[in-house]
Amino acid sequence: MTGSPHSPFPDLDDIRDAARLIDGVLIRTPFLPAPRLSRLTGAEVHVKYENLQVTSSFKERGALVKLLSLSPEERRRGVVAMSAGNHAQAVAYHAQRLGIPATIVMPKTTPFVKIEATQAFGARVVVEGETLAICQQIAGTIADETGAVWVHPYDDPHVIRGQGTIALEMIEGGPPLDCMLIPVGGGGLIGGMAIASKALAPQTQVIGVETELYPSMRAALDGVEGVCGGNSLAEGIAVKNVGKLTLEIARRFVDDVVLVSETTIERAVNAYLTLQKTMAEGAGAAGLAAMLADPDRFRGQRVGLVLCGGNIDPRLAASIMVRDLARSERIVAVRIIIPDQPGVLADIAATIGACGGNILEVFHHRNLLTVPAKGASVDVTIETHGPEHAGEIVSALEARHYTVARMAPP
């Protein structure tokens, strides 16, 4: 690393050197326009698909640059890292490639898909602690006891300059941007990207995005103590403490850090799945979530999003898609009070079918105290074309003299 003699963090030349180191080893991921996201947000959206890396995350960049900086003796002693998943996989994958022993400490809340993937890359995985802060203490103890080199997930100059190569590729391979929206956990990604962006495209705003549950960088920039906690969909950026180095970079080069709700992150994950046909984990979708949360701020601008990771549990992704169908009333549930007579269920099914609805589930109740002794109730989950179509189905059932009440879909 060259760096400035008066600065502890990397400069543009360091980031360019990192780009040379990873060239031909890592995938130069596409940076493409996203017309459907543009229609959704009212901005001109371009997406950097870091979920297409081998480990489905941008973390490979910083991890590889750090590992390549080690001396032969340091490689022999091995490395230790702590991570909620993506940094873990990146370190494990490239340590295996380079023949470096790796131990990874992961919190108990880490999705199993990430633990399994890290083990598959040959690392020794220690699943301990409820938070990344506790995991960092455990990893530090392992480093002290074994002599392994500590590979920090974000507060390391080599890691930061590796992550900064994303901005180089976006600036070299895409149109001029009004702003970049970058997920923020500990600050390594936005730190490296901000240094490169402000050196090459100072007119581009660099805006970080955190989940409201973990506003660590926003609080640090404001000089207040952040209240962090909760089970976040964006566990990759659920960090209680930002780095000292990354905070200094953010103060100098980052224009703003905004907070987004868990519901908005969920909507953004679904938008990537359904509109872009690509997998985004919660942290990876944070930039798009910021646009959905405050569309007026970005309307008409040319925005670069970093889809920084795609390691989401498939069951969670499926649940998010179904939940969004329920929010948009493309799946609705109704409870119908009926006389307990032959042929009634067939009539209900025929009425729904005649309206073009598709029945997904039926539950028939005879013993509920809320229905007459000679009556029954039927809970029906229906696939529709949207709110207007759902209303037509309910009206058709009521026209058949059934009492119909909306329910929350199962």
Protein backbone atom coordinates (compact mmCIF):
# COMPACT_ATOMS: atom_id res chain seq x y z
CA MET A 1 0.00 0.00 0.00
CA THR A 2 1.14 3.48 -0.81
CA GLY A 3 -1.36 5.79 0.89
CA SER A 4 -0.76 9.32 2.02
CA PRO A 5 1.98 9.82 4.63
CA HIS A 6 -0.54 11.90 6.62
CA SER A 7 -3.49 9.51 6.29
CA PRO A 8 -4.07 6.08 7.83
CA PHE A 9 -6.51 5.00 5.16
CA PRO A 10 -5.93 4.00 1.54
CA ASP A 11 -6.00 6.40 -1.39
CA LEU A 12 -7.01 6.06 -5.04
CA ASP A 13 -3.65 4.54 -6.03
CA ASP A 14 -4.09 1.85 -3.36
CA ILE A 15 -7.53 1.01 -4.71
CA ARG A 16 -6.19 0.86 -8.27
CA ASP A 17 -3.43 -1.45 -7.08
CA ALA A 18 -6.09 -3.67 -5.45
CA ALA A 19 -7.94 -3.77 -8.76
CA ARG A 20 -4.79 -5.08 -10.44
CA LEU A 21 -4.40 -7.76 -7.76
CA ILE A 22 -7.93 -9.13 -8.21
CA ASP A 23 -8.05 -8.76 -11.99
CA GLY A 24 -8.57 -12.15 -13.58
CA VAL A 25 -9.19 -13.81 -10.19
CA LEU A 26 -12.54 -12.32 -9.20
CA ILE A 27 -15.52 -11.73 -11.44
CA ARG A 28 -15.85 -8.22 -12.81
CA THR A 29 -19.55 -8.13 -12.06
CA PRO A 30 -21.96 -6.43 -14.47
CA PHE A 31 -23.24 -2.90 -13.85
CA LEU A 32 -26.50 -2.71 -15.76
CA PRO A 33 -29.54 -0.48 -16.17
CA ALA A 34 -32.68 -1.75 -14.43
CA PRO A 35 -35.70 -0.36 -16.32
CA ARG A 36 -38.28 -2.11 -14.13
CA LEU A 37 -36.73 -0.74 -10.95
CA SER A 38 -36.61 2.65 -12.65
CA ARG A 39 -40.36 2.49 -13.26
CA LEU A 40 -40.90 1.41 -9.67
CA THR A 41 -38.88 4.26 -8.15
CA GLY A 42 -39.14 7.10 -10.65
CA ALA A 43 -35.34 7.29 -10.96
CA GLU A 44 -32.90 5.97 -13.54
CA VAL A 45 -31.55 2.92 -11.72
CA HIS A 46 -28.37 0.99 -12.49
CA VAL A 47 -27.42 -2.10 -10.46
CA LYS A 48 -23.97 -3.49 -9.66
CA TYR A 49 -24.52 -7.26 -9.29
CA GLU A 50 -22.02 -8.30 -6.63
CA ASN A 51 -24.29 -11.25 -5.83
CA LEU A 52 -22.72 -12.92 -8.90
CA GLN A 53 -19.35 -13.44 -7.20
CA VAL A 54 -18.49 -17.07 -6.41
CA THR A 55 -19.57 -16.64 -2.77
CA SER A 56 -22.47 -14.35 -3.83
CA SER A 57 -21.04 -11.29 -2.10
CA PHE A 58 -18.73 -8.30 -2.57
CA LYS A 59 -16.70 -9.46 0.45
CA GLU A 60 -14.38 -11.49 -1.76
CA ARG A 61 -12.68 -8.31 -2.92
CA GLY A 62 -11.44 -7.12 0.45
CA ALA A 63 -10.74 -10.62 1.75
CA LEU A 64 -8.57 -11.53 -1.23
CA VAL A 65 -6.59 -8.29 -1.14
CA LYS A 66 -5.95 -8.77 2.59
CA LEU A 67 -4.84 -12.41 2.17
CA LEU A 68 -2.51 -11.46 -0.69
CA SER A 69 -0.83 -8.94 1.60
CA LEU A 70 0.30 -11.64 4.06
CA SER A 71 3.92 -12.78 4.30
CA PRO A 72 4.78 -16.50 3.89
CA GLU A 73 5.17 -16.79 7.67
CA GLU A 74 1.76 -15.19 8.27
CA ARG A 75 0.18 -17.54 5.74
CA ARG A 76 1.67 -20.50 7.56
CA ARG A 77 0.16 -19.38 10.88
CA GLY A 78 -3.27 -19.08 9.27
CA VAL A 79 -6.03 -16.51 9.62
CA VAL A 80 -9.03 -15.98 11.86
CA ALA A 81 -12.10 -13.89 11.09
CA MET A 82 -15.55 -13.15 12.50
CA SER A 83 -18.59 -12.66 10.33
CA ALA A 84 -22.35 -13.12 10.01
CA GLY A 85 -21.66 -15.00 6.82
CA ASN A 86 -20.43 -13.21 3.72
CA HIS A 87 -17.00 -12.20 5.00
CA ALA A 88 -16.72 -15.70 6.44
CA GLN A 89 -17.33 -17.34 3.09
CA ALA A 90 -15.00 -14.95 1.29
CA VAL A 91 -12.11 -15.53 3.69
CA ALA A 92 -12.72 -19.30 3.73
CA TYR A 93 -12.91 -19.55 -0.07
CA HIS A 94 -9.76 -17.58 -0.86
CA ALA A 95 -7.82 -19.01 2.09
CA GLN A 96 -8.55 -22.47 0.70
CA ARG A 97 -7.40 -21.35 -2.79
CA LEU A 98 -4.17 -19.95 -1.36
CA GLY A 99 -3.50 -22.85 1.03
CA ILE A 100 -3.98 -20.75 4.19
CA PRO A 101 -5.62 -22.37 7.26
CA ALA A 102 -8.75 -20.40 8.28
CA THR A 103 -10.90 -20.28 11.42
CA ILE A 104 -14.18 -18.36 11.25
CA VAL A 105 -16.26 -17.25 14.26
CA MET A 106 -19.95 -16.80 13.43
CA PRO A 107 -22.85 -15.65 15.68
CA LYS A 108 -25.57 -18.09 16.64
CA THR A 109 -28.10 -16.04 14.65
CA THR A 110 -26.30 -16.67 11.33
CA PRO A 111 -28.55 -18.36 8.73
CA PHE A 112 -27.60 -22.00 8.32
CA VAL A 113 -27.12 -21.52 4.57
CA LYS A 114 -24.14 -19.26 5.34
CA ILE A 115 -22.65 -21.57 7.99
CA GLU A 116 -22.90 -24.55 5.66
CA ALA A 117 -21.33 -22.64 2.77
CA THR A 118 -18.41 -21.49 4.94
CA GLN A 119 -17.72 -25.04 6.09
CA ALA A 120 -17.88 -26.23 2.49
CA PHE A 121 -14.94 -23.92 1.68
CA GLY A 122 -12.78 -25.80 4.16
CA ALA A 123 -12.74 -23.39 7.10
CA ARG A 124 -13.01 -24.39 10.75
CA VAL A 125 -16.24 -22.73 11.89
CA VAL A 126 -16.90 -21.72 15.50
CA VAL A 127 -20.56 -20.79 16.08
CA GLU A 128 -20.56 -18.79 19.32
CA GLY A 129 -22.01 -15.55 20.67
CA GLU A 130 -25.26 -13.72 20.00
CA THR A 131 -23.72 -10.65 18.35
CA LEU A 132 -20.82 -9.73 16.08
CA ALA A 133 -19.26 -7.80 18.95
CA ILE A 134 -19.04 -10.96 21.07
CA CYS A 135 -17.78 -12.91 18.06
CA GLN A 136 -15.03 -10.33 17.59
CA GLN A 137 -13.87 -10.89 21.17
CA ILE A 138 -13.84 -14.67 20.64
CA ALA A 139 -11.93 -14.30 17.37
CA GLY A 140 -9.43 -12.00 19.07
CA THR A 141 -8.82 -14.61 21.75
CA ILE A 142 -8.24 -17.30 19.11
CA ALA A 143 -5.76 -15.02 17.31
CA ASP A 144 -3.87 -14.38 20.56
CA GLU A 145 -3.73 -18.07 21.46
CA THR A 146 -2.80 -19.46 18.03
CA GLY A 147 -0.85 -16.65 16.40
CA ALA A 148 -3.31 -16.57 13.49
CA VAL A 149 -3.59 -13.29 11.59
CA TRP A 150 -6.76 -11.36 12.35
CA VAL A 151 -8.73 -10.54 9.15
CA HIS A 152 -11.13 -7.82 10.15
CA PRO A 153 -14.34 -7.66 8.08
CA TYR A 154 -14.19 -3.90 7.56
CA ASP A 155 -11.72 -1.91 9.67
CA ASP A 156 -8.58 -2.82 7.73
CA PRO A 157 -6.88 -0.73 5.00
CA HIS A 158 -6.41 -3.74 2.70
CA VAL A 159 -10.04 -4.79 3.06
CA ILE A 160 -11.23 -1.23 2.48
CA ARG A 161 -9.17 -0.77 -0.68
CA GLY A 162 -10.42 -4.11 -1.99
CA GLN A 163 -14.03 -3.02 -1.55
CA GLY A 164 -13.25 0.28 -3.24
CA THR A 165 -12.65 -1.54 -6.53
CA ILE A 166 -16.45 -1.75 -6.93
CA ALA A 167 -16.63 2.03 -7.37
CA LEU A 168 -13.79 1.93 -9.91
CA GLU A 169 -15.75 -0.56 -12.01
CA MET A 170 -19.00 1.42 -11.71
CA ILE A 171 -17.33 4.67 -12.74
CA GLU A 172 -15.32 3.09 -15.57
CA GLY A 173 -18.13 0.87 -16.87
CA GLY A 174 -21.25 2.94 -16.41
CA PRO A 175 -22.76 6.35 -17.01
CA PRO A 176 -22.12 9.37 -14.74
CA LEU A 177 -24.17 8.97 -11.57
CA ASP A 178 -25.99 11.51 -9.45
CA CYS A 179 -25.59 9.27 -6.43
CA MET A 180 -24.49 5.86 -5.21
CA LEU A 181 -26.58 4.10 -2.56
CA ILE A 182 -24.37 1.77 -0.53
CA PRO A 183 -25.35 -0.58 2.31
CA VAL A 184 -23.52 0.17 5.57
CA GLY A 185 -22.61 -2.27 8.30
CA GLY A 186 -19.16 -1.65 9.72
CA GLY A 187 -18.32 0.76 6.90
CA GLY A 188 -15.68 -1.05 4.83
CA LEU A 189 -17.71 -1.10 1.62
CA ILE A 190 -18.82 2.52 1.72
CA GLY A 191 -15.36 3.58 2.92
CA GLY A 192 -13.50 2.15 -0.05
CA MET A 193 -16.15 3.18 -2.54
CA ALA A 194 -16.34 6.72 -1.18
CA ILE A 195 -12.57 7.23 -1.48
CA ALA A 196 -12.60 6.09 -5.11
CA SER A 197 -15.77 7.95 -6.01
CA LYS A 198 -14.76 11.30 -4.55
CA ALA A 199 -11.39 11.06 -6.33
CA LEU A 200 -12.83 10.20 -9.76
CA ALA A 201 -16.42 11.51 -9.70
CA PRO A 202 -16.70 14.17 -6.99
CA GLN A 203 -20.09 15.27 -8.31
CA THR A 204 -21.61 11.90 -7.36
CA GLN A 205 -23.22 11.81 -3.93
CA VAL A 206 -22.20 8.85 -1.78
CA ILE A 207 -25.09 7.86 0.47
CA GLY A 208 -24.98 5.03 2.97
CA VAL A 209 -28.01 2.97 4.01
CA GLU A 210 -28.50 1.28 7.39
CA THR A 211 -31.42 -0.61 8.90
CA GLU A 212 -33.28 1.32 11.58
CA LEU A 213 -32.53 -1.47 14.04
CA TYR A 214 -28.76 -0.89 13.74
CA PRO A 215 -28.10 2.84 13.06
CA SER A 216 -24.44 2.58 14.09
CA MET A 217 -22.81 4.78 11.44
CA ARG A 218 -25.58 7.39 11.52
CA ALA A 219 -25.28 7.65 15.29
CA ALA A 220 -21.47 7.81 15.18
CA LEU A 221 -21.56 10.61 12.60
CA ASP A 222 -24.07 12.48 14.76
CA GLY A 223 -21.91 12.02 17.85
CA VAL A 224 -24.60 10.15 19.77
CA GLU A 225 -24.89 6.63 21.13
CA GLY A 226 -26.87 4.48 18.75
CA VAL A 227 -29.62 2.24 20.08
CA CYS A 228 -29.02 -1.07 18.29
CA GLY A 229 -30.78 -4.39 18.60
CA GLY A 230 -33.39 -6.70 17.17
CA ASN A 231 -33.66 -9.49 14.65
CA SER A 232 -32.98 -7.84 11.29
CA LEU A 233 -33.65 -9.23 7.83
CA ALA A 234 -30.42 -7.43 6.90
CA GLU A 235 -28.19 -9.37 9.29
CA GLY A 236 -25.17 -8.62 7.09
CA ILE A 237 -25.32 -4.95 8.13
CA ALA A 238 -26.66 -5.51 11.66
CA VAL A 239 -23.49 -4.14 13.26
CA LYS A 240 -23.44 -2.39 16.63
CA ASN A 241 -19.98 -0.84 16.27
CA VAL A 242 -18.52 0.71 13.14
CA GLY A 243 -14.78 0.76 12.61
CA LYS A 244 -12.54 3.58 13.79
CA LEU A 245 -10.91 3.80 10.37
CA THR A 246 -14.18 3.53 8.46
CA LEU A 247 -15.81 6.21 10.62
CA GLU A 248 -12.98 8.62 9.83
CA ILE A 249 -13.41 7.90 6.12
CA ALA A 250 -17.18 8.38 6.35
CA ARG A 251 -16.77 11.75 8.06
CA ARG A 252 -14.51 12.88 5.27
CA PHE A 253 -16.02 11.36 2.12
CA VAL A 254 -19.62 10.21 2.72
CA ASP A 255 -22.39 12.70 1.99
CA ASP A 256 -25.19 11.15 4.03
CA VAL A 257 -26.35 7.99 5.81
CA VAL A 258 -30.07 7.18 5.82
CA LEU A 259 -32.08 4.61 7.76
CA VAL A 260 -34.68 2.21 6.38
CA SER A 261 -37.32 0.05 8.04
CA GLU A 262 -37.40 -3.73 8.02
CA THR A 263 -40.65 -3.66 6.04
CA THR A 264 -39.03 -1.55 3.32
CA ILE A 265 -36.04 -3.89 3.16
CA GLU A 266 -38.46 -6.78 2.73
CA ARG A 267 -40.18 -4.94 -0.15
CA ALA A 268 -36.80 -4.32 -1.78
CA VAL A 269 -35.79 -7.99 -1.54
CA ASN A 270 -39.08 -8.91 -3.21
CA ALA A 271 -38.59 -6.29 -5.94
CA TYR A 272 -35.21 -7.78 -6.84
CA LEU A 273 -36.75 -11.26 -6.90
CA THR A 274 -39.85 -10.46 -8.90
CA LEU A 275 -38.73 -7.58 -11.10
CA GLN A 276 -35.01 -8.27 -11.64
CA LYS A 277 -35.22 -12.07 -11.25
CA THR A 278 -32.15 -11.98 -9.04
CA MET A 279 -31.48 -12.96 -5.43
CA ALA A 280 -30.77 -10.24 -2.88
CA GLU A 281 -30.28 -10.77 0.83
CA GLY A 282 -31.60 -8.11 3.18
CA ALA A 283 -28.32 -6.18 3.33
CA GLY A 284 -27.94 -6.41 -0.44
CA ALA A 285 -31.34 -4.79 -0.96
CA ALA A 286 -30.78 -1.90 1.45
CA GLY A 287 -29.95 0.63 -1.29
CA LEU A 288 -33.17 -0.08 -3.15
CA ALA A 289 -35.03 0.07 0.17
CA ALA A 290 -33.83 3.66 0.60
CA MET A 291 -35.35 4.56 -2.77
CA LEU A 292 -38.65 2.91 -1.87
CA ALA A 293 -38.69 4.68 1.50
CA ASP A 294 -38.08 8.18 0.07
CA PRO A 295 -38.81 8.15 -3.68
CA ASP A 296 -39.08 11.96 -3.90
CA ARG A 297 -35.43 12.37 -2.90
CA PHE A 298 -34.19 10.28 -5.82
CA ARG A 299 -36.86 10.86 -8.45
CA GLY A 300 -35.35 11.83 -11.81
CA GLN A 301 -31.79 11.09 -10.68
CA ARG A 302 -29.39 8.53 -12.10
CA VAL A 303 -28.75 6.19 -9.18
CA GLY A 304 -26.19 3.40 -8.80
CA LEU A 305 -27.20 0.57 -6.47
CA VAL A 306 -24.79 -2.00 -5.08
CA LEU A 307 -26.53 -5.35 -4.76
CA CYS A 308 -23.79 -6.41 -2.40
CA GLY A 309 -24.96 -9.93 -1.49
CA GLY A 310 -27.39 -12.67 -2.44
CA ASN A 311 -26.98 -15.16 0.40
CA ILE A 312 -30.56 -15.38 1.64
CA ASP A 313 -32.20 -18.48 3.07
CA PRO A 314 -34.44 -19.88 0.27
CA ARG A 315 -37.30 -20.43 2.72
CA LEU A 316 -37.09 -16.80 3.81
CA ALA A 317 -37.07 -15.63 0.19
CA ALA A 318 -40.19 -17.73 -0.50
CA SER A 319 -41.91 -16.31 2.57
CA ILE A 320 -41.10 -12.74 1.51
CA MET A 321 -42.63 -13.32 -1.93
CA VAL A 322 -45.84 -14.75 -0.45
CA ARG A 323 -46.08 -11.92 2.10
CA ASP A 324 -45.80 -9.36 -0.68
CA LEU A 325 -48.54 -11.12 -2.63
CA ALA A 326 -50.71 -10.76 0.47
CA ARG A 327 -49.86 -7.05 0.85
CA SER A 328 -50.84 -6.38 -2.76
CA GLU A 329 -54.03 -8.47 -2.35
CA ARG A 330 -52.98 -10.94 -4.99
CA ILE A 331 -53.54 -13.49 -2.23
CA VAL A 332 -56.57 -12.86 -0.02
CA ALA A 333 -58.27 -14.91 2.70
CA VAL A 334 -61.97 -14.75 3.60
CA ARG A 335 -64.17 -16.41 6.19
CA ILE A 336 -67.61 -17.31 4.87
CA ILE A 337 -70.54 -18.14 7.17
CA ILE A 338 -72.67 -20.79 5.47
CA PRO A 339 -75.68 -23.04 6.15
CA ASP A 340 -74.51 -26.59 6.87
CA GLN A 341 -76.15 -28.08 3.81
CA PRO A 342 -75.03 -30.32 0.93
CA GLY A 343 -73.73 -28.51 -2.14
CA VAL A 344 -72.75 -25.26 -0.43
CA LEU A 345 -69.01 -25.79 -0.78
CA ALA A 346 -69.47 -26.60 -4.45
CA ASP A 347 -71.47 -23.38 -4.92
CA ILE A 348 -68.75 -21.32 -3.25
CA ALA A 349 -66.07 -22.90 -5.41
CA ALA A 350 -68.13 -22.34 -8.56
CA THR A 351 -68.75 -18.68 -7.64
CA ILE A 352 -65.07 -18.00 -7.05
CA GLY A 353 -64.12 -19.85 -10.23
CA ALA A 354 -66.67 -17.94 -12.31
CA CYS A 355 -65.00 -14.72 -11.16
CA GLY A 356 -61.56 -15.98 -12.22
CA GLY A 357 -60.24 -16.58 -8.69
CA ASN A 358 -57.98 -19.52 -7.91
CA ILE A 359 -58.59 -21.32 -4.61
CA LEU A 360 -55.33 -22.11 -2.78
CA GLU A 361 -56.60 -23.44 0.56
CA VAL A 362 -59.93 -24.34 2.22
CA PHE A 363 -60.64 -24.95 5.92
CA HIS A 364 -64.16 -26.03 6.92
CA HIS A 365 -65.30 -25.41 10.55
CA ARG A 366 -68.48 -26.74 12.15
CA ASN A 367 -67.76 -26.30 15.86
CA LEU A 368 -66.84 -22.62 16.18
CA LEU A 369 -68.96 -20.75 18.72
CA THR A 370 -69.10 -17.77 16.36
CA VAL A 371 -71.40 -19.59 13.90
CA PRO A 372 -74.99 -20.83 14.41
CA ALA A 373 -75.51 -24.37 15.67
CA LYS A 374 -76.93 -25.37 12.27
CA GLY A 375 -74.32 -23.45 10.38
CA ALA A 376 -70.62 -23.64 9.57
CA SER A 377 -67.79 -21.45 8.38
CA VAL A 378 -65.32 -21.85 5.57
CA ASP A 379 -61.92 -20.13 5.43
CA VAL A 380 -60.81 -19.77 1.83
CA THR A 381 -57.45 -18.47 0.58
CA ILE A 382 -57.75 -17.15 -2.97
CA GLU A 383 -55.27 -16.05 -5.62
CA THR A 384 -56.48 -12.88 -7.38
CA HIS A 385 -55.28 -10.26 -9.87
CA GLY A 386 -55.25 -7.54 -7.22
CA PRO A 387 -57.49 -5.45 -4.93
CA GLU A 388 -60.21 -4.74 -7.52
CA HIS A 389 -60.46 -8.40 -8.50
CA ALA A 390 -60.56 -9.45 -4.83
CA GLY A 391 -63.43 -7.03 -4.26
CA GLU A 392 -65.33 -8.50 -7.20
CA ILE A 393 -65.02 -12.01 -5.74
CA VAL A 394 -66.24 -10.90 -2.32
CA SER A 395 -69.19 -9.07 -3.91
CA ALA A 396 -70.11 -12.16 -5.93
CA LEU A 397 -70.12 -14.31 -2.79
CA GLU A 398 -72.24 -11.76 -0.93
CA ALA A 399 -74.64 -11.71 -3.88
CA ARG A 400 -75.13 -15.42 -3.22
CA HIS A 401 -76.26 -14.42 0.32
CA TYR A 402 -73.13 -15.52 2.13
CA THR A 403 -71.69 -13.49 5.00
CA VAL A 404 -68.06 -12.78 4.05
CA ALA A 405 -65.31 -11.33 6.26
CA ARG A 406 -61.72 -10.58 5.21
CA MET A 407 -58.93 -12.34 7.14
CA ALA A 408 -55.17 -12.16 7.25
CA PRO A 409 -53.81 -14.69 4.74
CA PRO A 410 -52.17 -17.74 6.36
